[in-house]
């Protein structure tokens, strides 16, 4: 049996706090009160990326073996890097975490850690992992899913930012020079609107 360590209770309560206060409900899912449809679209696309096979079966048509290994290696590196970014963003966000674009009541504005690089590092992590899956599977279908996921995450982030601006008037000033999702990528590098 494990001996309790000092601070274990504090860590458990922080984890519980991060996963509470989301206000998920069937009623919300039906009327999209907190942006539940954005979350559902995101989840459907993520599960499609994970579960659907490559199409067309690109491994059979890709020319040299070396290129296959380059894509496979790069894909696994991106998948691992995206998972690390997601972990760091989750830890930094802490009790402010919500899967919905509606911010939890009483949250703090987080601008440190990966949030210095972009305003939505969790969404960026999802796109990096999806790019990794596309390269691992060499699948045109996964490329289409990546583009669809980018559109959904951009829409979800835009709704989230409207609400963050209402709750934190300093949001626009704090993140004025910070990319939305990916610096230098058209459509994913928008700026905060007042």
Protein backbone atom coordinates (compact mmCIF):
# COMPACT_ATOMS: atom_id res chain seq x y z
CA UNK A 1 0.00 0.00 0.00
CA UNK A 2 1.31 3.43 -0.94
CA UNK A 3 2.09 5.80 1.88
CA UNK A 4 0.36 9.17 1.38
CA UNK A 5 2.81 11.91 0.52
CA UNK A 6 2.60 15.55 1.60
CA UNK A 7 0.67 17.54 -0.97
CA UNK A 8 -1.22 14.54 -2.48
CA UNK A 9 -4.53 15.98 -1.25
CA UNK A 10 -3.77 19.35 -2.84
CA UNK A 11 -2.92 17.71 -6.17
CA UNK A 12 -6.13 15.65 -6.09
CA UNK A 13 -8.26 18.68 -5.34
CA UNK A 14 -6.63 20.65 -8.19
CA UNK A 15 -7.34 17.80 -10.59
CA UNK A 16 -10.97 17.57 -9.41
CA UNK A 17 -11.33 21.36 -9.75
CA UNK A 18 -9.97 21.27 -13.32
CA UNK A 19 -12.54 18.66 -14.33
CA UNK A 20 -15.51 20.28 -12.59
CA UNK A 21 -17.76 23.24 -13.30
CA UNK A 22 -18.17 22.40 -16.97
CA UNK A 23 -21.97 22.52 -16.81
CA UNK A 24 -22.43 19.86 -19.47
CA UNK A 25 -26.05 18.83 -19.96
CA UNK A 26 -28.37 17.26 -22.50
CA UNK A 27 -30.34 20.51 -22.65
CA UNK A 28 -27.15 22.42 -23.48
CA UNK A 29 -26.29 19.88 -26.15
CA UNK A 30 -29.69 20.36 -27.76
CA UNK A 31 -29.74 24.18 -27.69
CA UNK A 32 -25.98 24.83 -27.97
CA UNK A 33 -26.10 27.19 -24.97
CA UNK A 34 -22.37 27.05 -24.26
CA UNK A 35 -21.07 26.06 -27.69
CA UNK A 36 -21.64 22.33 -27.22
CA UNK A 37 -21.98 21.84 -30.98
CA UNK A 38 -18.40 23.05 -31.45
CA UNK A 39 -17.25 20.48 -28.89
CA UNK A 40 -19.26 17.71 -30.56
CA UNK A 41 -17.84 18.59 -33.98
CA UNK A 42 -14.34 18.56 -32.53
CA UNK A 43 -14.85 15.17 -30.84
CA UNK A 44 -16.39 13.56 -33.94
CA UNK A 45 -13.43 14.69 -36.06
CA UNK A 46 -10.84 13.59 -33.47
CA UNK A 47 -12.44 10.13 -33.25
CA UNK A 48 -12.51 9.95 -37.07
CA UNK A 49 -8.78 10.76 -37.19
CA UNK A 50 -8.05 8.03 -34.66
CA UNK A 51 -10.40 5.32 -35.92
CA UNK A 52 -10.65 5.67 -39.69
CA UNK A 53 -8.13 3.82 -41.85
CA UNK A 54 -5.98 5.49 -44.47
CA UNK A 55 -7.71 6.30 -47.71
CA UNK A 56 -6.55 5.74 -50.34
CA UNK A 57 -4.19 3.06 -49.10
CA UNK A 58 -1.18 5.28 -49.70
CA UNK A 59 1.47 2.93 -48.34
CA UNK A 60 1.01 0.73 -51.39
CA UNK A 61 1.47 3.56 -53.90
CA UNK A 62 4.17 5.65 -52.24
CA UNK A 63 7.37 5.27 -54.26
CA UNK A 64 10.63 4.87 -52.30
CA UNK A 65 10.93 3.10 -49.00
CA UNK A 66 13.08 5.93 -47.60
CA UNK A 67 10.25 8.44 -48.09
CA UNK A 68 7.89 6.12 -46.24
CA UNK A 69 10.26 6.05 -43.27
CA UNK A 70 10.71 9.82 -43.33
CA UNK A 71 6.93 10.36 -43.24
CA UNK A 72 6.48 7.71 -40.55
CA UNK A 73 9.26 9.14 -38.38
CA UNK A 74 8.11 12.73 -38.82
CA UNK A 75 4.54 11.66 -38.06
CA UNK A 76 5.52 10.01 -34.77
CA UNK A 77 7.64 13.04 -33.81
CA UNK A 78 4.68 15.35 -34.46
CA UNK A 79 2.31 13.05 -32.56
CA UNK A 80 4.67 13.02 -29.56
CA UNK A 81 5.31 16.76 -29.76
CA UNK A 82 1.59 17.49 -29.94
CA UNK A 83 0.97 15.28 -26.90
CA UNK A 84 3.72 17.11 -24.96
CA UNK A 85 2.27 20.50 -25.92
CA UNK A 86 -1.20 19.36 -24.85
CA UNK A 87 0.16 18.12 -21.52
CA UNK A 88 1.96 21.38 -20.85
CA UNK A 89 -1.10 23.45 -21.83
CA UNK A 90 -3.38 21.34 -19.59
CA UNK A 91 -1.05 21.74 -16.63
CA UNK A 92 -0.71 25.49 -17.23
CA UNK A 93 -4.46 25.95 -17.65
CA UNK A 94 -5.18 24.01 -14.45
CA UNK A 95 -8.58 24.74 -12.87
CA UNK A 96 -9.46 27.04 -15.79
CA UNK A 97 -9.87 23.99 -18.07
CA UNK A 98 -13.16 23.59 -19.92
CA UNK A 99 -13.93 21.56 -23.05
CA UNK A 100 -16.57 24.11 -24.01
CA UNK A 101 -15.93 27.47 -25.67
CA UNK A 102 -17.87 29.01 -22.79
CA UNK A 103 -15.28 29.89 -20.10
CA UNK A 104 -15.98 28.63 -16.59
CA UNK A 105 -17.22 31.20 -14.08
CA UNK A 106 -14.53 32.92 -12.04
CA UNK A 107 -11.59 31.81 -14.17
CA UNK A 108 -8.22 33.52 -14.31
CA UNK A 109 -6.72 34.76 -17.56
CA UNK A 110 -3.79 32.44 -18.34
CA UNK A 111 -0.97 33.99 -20.37
CA UNK A 112 2.12 32.04 -19.29
CA UNK A 113 3.68 28.79 -20.46
CA UNK A 114 2.50 27.72 -23.93
CA UNK A 115 -0.11 30.51 -23.84
CA UNK A 116 2.75 32.95 -24.53
CA UNK A 117 3.22 31.35 -27.95
CA UNK A 118 -0.42 31.11 -29.03
CA UNK A 119 -3.80 31.80 -27.46
CA UNK A 120 -5.10 28.25 -27.94
CA UNK A 121 -2.21 25.78 -27.49
CA UNK A 122 -4.56 22.86 -26.78
CA UNK A 123 -6.20 23.33 -30.16
CA UNK A 124 -2.77 23.67 -31.77
CA UNK A 125 -1.75 20.40 -30.08
CA UNK A 126 -4.79 18.67 -31.59
CA UNK A 127 -3.82 19.94 -35.07
CA UNK A 128 -0.18 18.87 -34.60
CA UNK A 129 -1.27 15.37 -33.52
CA UNK A 130 -3.68 15.17 -36.48
CA UNK A 131 -0.87 16.17 -38.85
CA UNK A 132 1.23 13.41 -37.30
CA UNK A 133 -1.56 10.87 -37.89
CA UNK A 134 -1.91 12.04 -41.48
CA UNK A 135 1.81 11.44 -42.07
CA UNK A 136 1.84 8.11 -40.26
CA UNK A 137 -1.08 6.88 -42.33
CA UNK A 138 -0.19 8.82 -45.51
CA UNK A 139 -3.87 9.35 -45.99
CA UNK A 140 -5.65 11.94 -48.11
CA UNK A 141 -8.72 11.33 -45.94
CA UNK A 142 -6.74 12.37 -42.86
CA UNK A 143 -5.60 15.49 -44.70
CA UNK A 144 -9.27 16.39 -45.27
CA UNK A 145 -10.03 15.67 -41.61
CA UNK A 146 -7.12 17.95 -40.62
CA UNK A 147 -8.56 20.85 -42.65
CA UNK A 148 -12.07 20.23 -41.25
CA UNK A 149 -10.68 20.12 -37.71
CA UNK A 150 -8.80 23.39 -38.30
CA UNK A 151 -12.08 25.06 -39.35
CA UNK A 152 -13.96 23.70 -36.33
CA UNK A 153 -11.22 24.68 -33.87
CA UNK A 154 -10.99 28.15 -35.40
CA UNK A 155 -14.75 28.59 -34.99
CA UNK A 156 -14.67 27.26 -31.44
CA UNK A 157 -11.74 29.53 -30.54
CA UNK A 158 -13.49 32.58 -32.02
CA UNK A 159 -16.58 31.94 -29.90
CA UNK A 160 -14.41 31.36 -26.83
CA UNK A 161 -12.56 34.63 -27.38
CA UNK A 162 -15.80 36.62 -27.62
CA UNK A 163 -16.75 35.35 -24.17
CA UNK A 164 -13.23 35.86 -22.77
CA UNK A 165 -13.34 39.48 -23.95
CA UNK A 166 -16.59 39.96 -22.04
CA UNK A 167 -15.21 38.41 -18.85
CA UNK A 168 -11.69 39.83 -19.12
CA UNK A 169 -11.59 43.24 -20.86
CA UNK A 170 -7.77 43.09 -20.74
CA UNK A 171 -7.77 39.95 -22.95
CA UNK A 172 -7.30 41.93 -26.19
CA UNK A 173 -4.37 43.90 -24.77
CA UNK A 174 -2.66 40.89 -23.12
CA UNK A 175 -2.83 38.82 -26.32
CA UNK A 176 -2.57 41.61 -28.92
CA UNK A 177 0.65 40.21 -30.41
CA UNK A 178 -0.06 36.51 -29.83
CA UNK A 179 -1.17 34.25 -32.67
CA UNK A 180 -4.53 32.52 -32.41
CA UNK A 181 -3.33 29.00 -33.18
CA UNK A 182 -0.27 28.89 -35.39
CA UNK A 183 2.01 31.85 -36.12
CA UNK A 184 2.49 32.39 -39.84
CA UNK A 185 -0.22 29.95 -40.95
CA UNK A 186 -2.96 31.74 -42.91
CA UNK A 187 -6.33 31.37 -41.22
CA UNK A 188 -4.76 30.19 -37.96
CA UNK A 189 -2.86 33.38 -37.15
CA UNK A 190 -5.76 35.78 -36.48
CA UNK A 191 -5.57 38.61 -33.97
CA UNK A 192 -7.93 39.44 -31.11
CA UNK A 193 -10.79 41.77 -32.03
CA UNK A 194 -11.91 44.33 -29.48
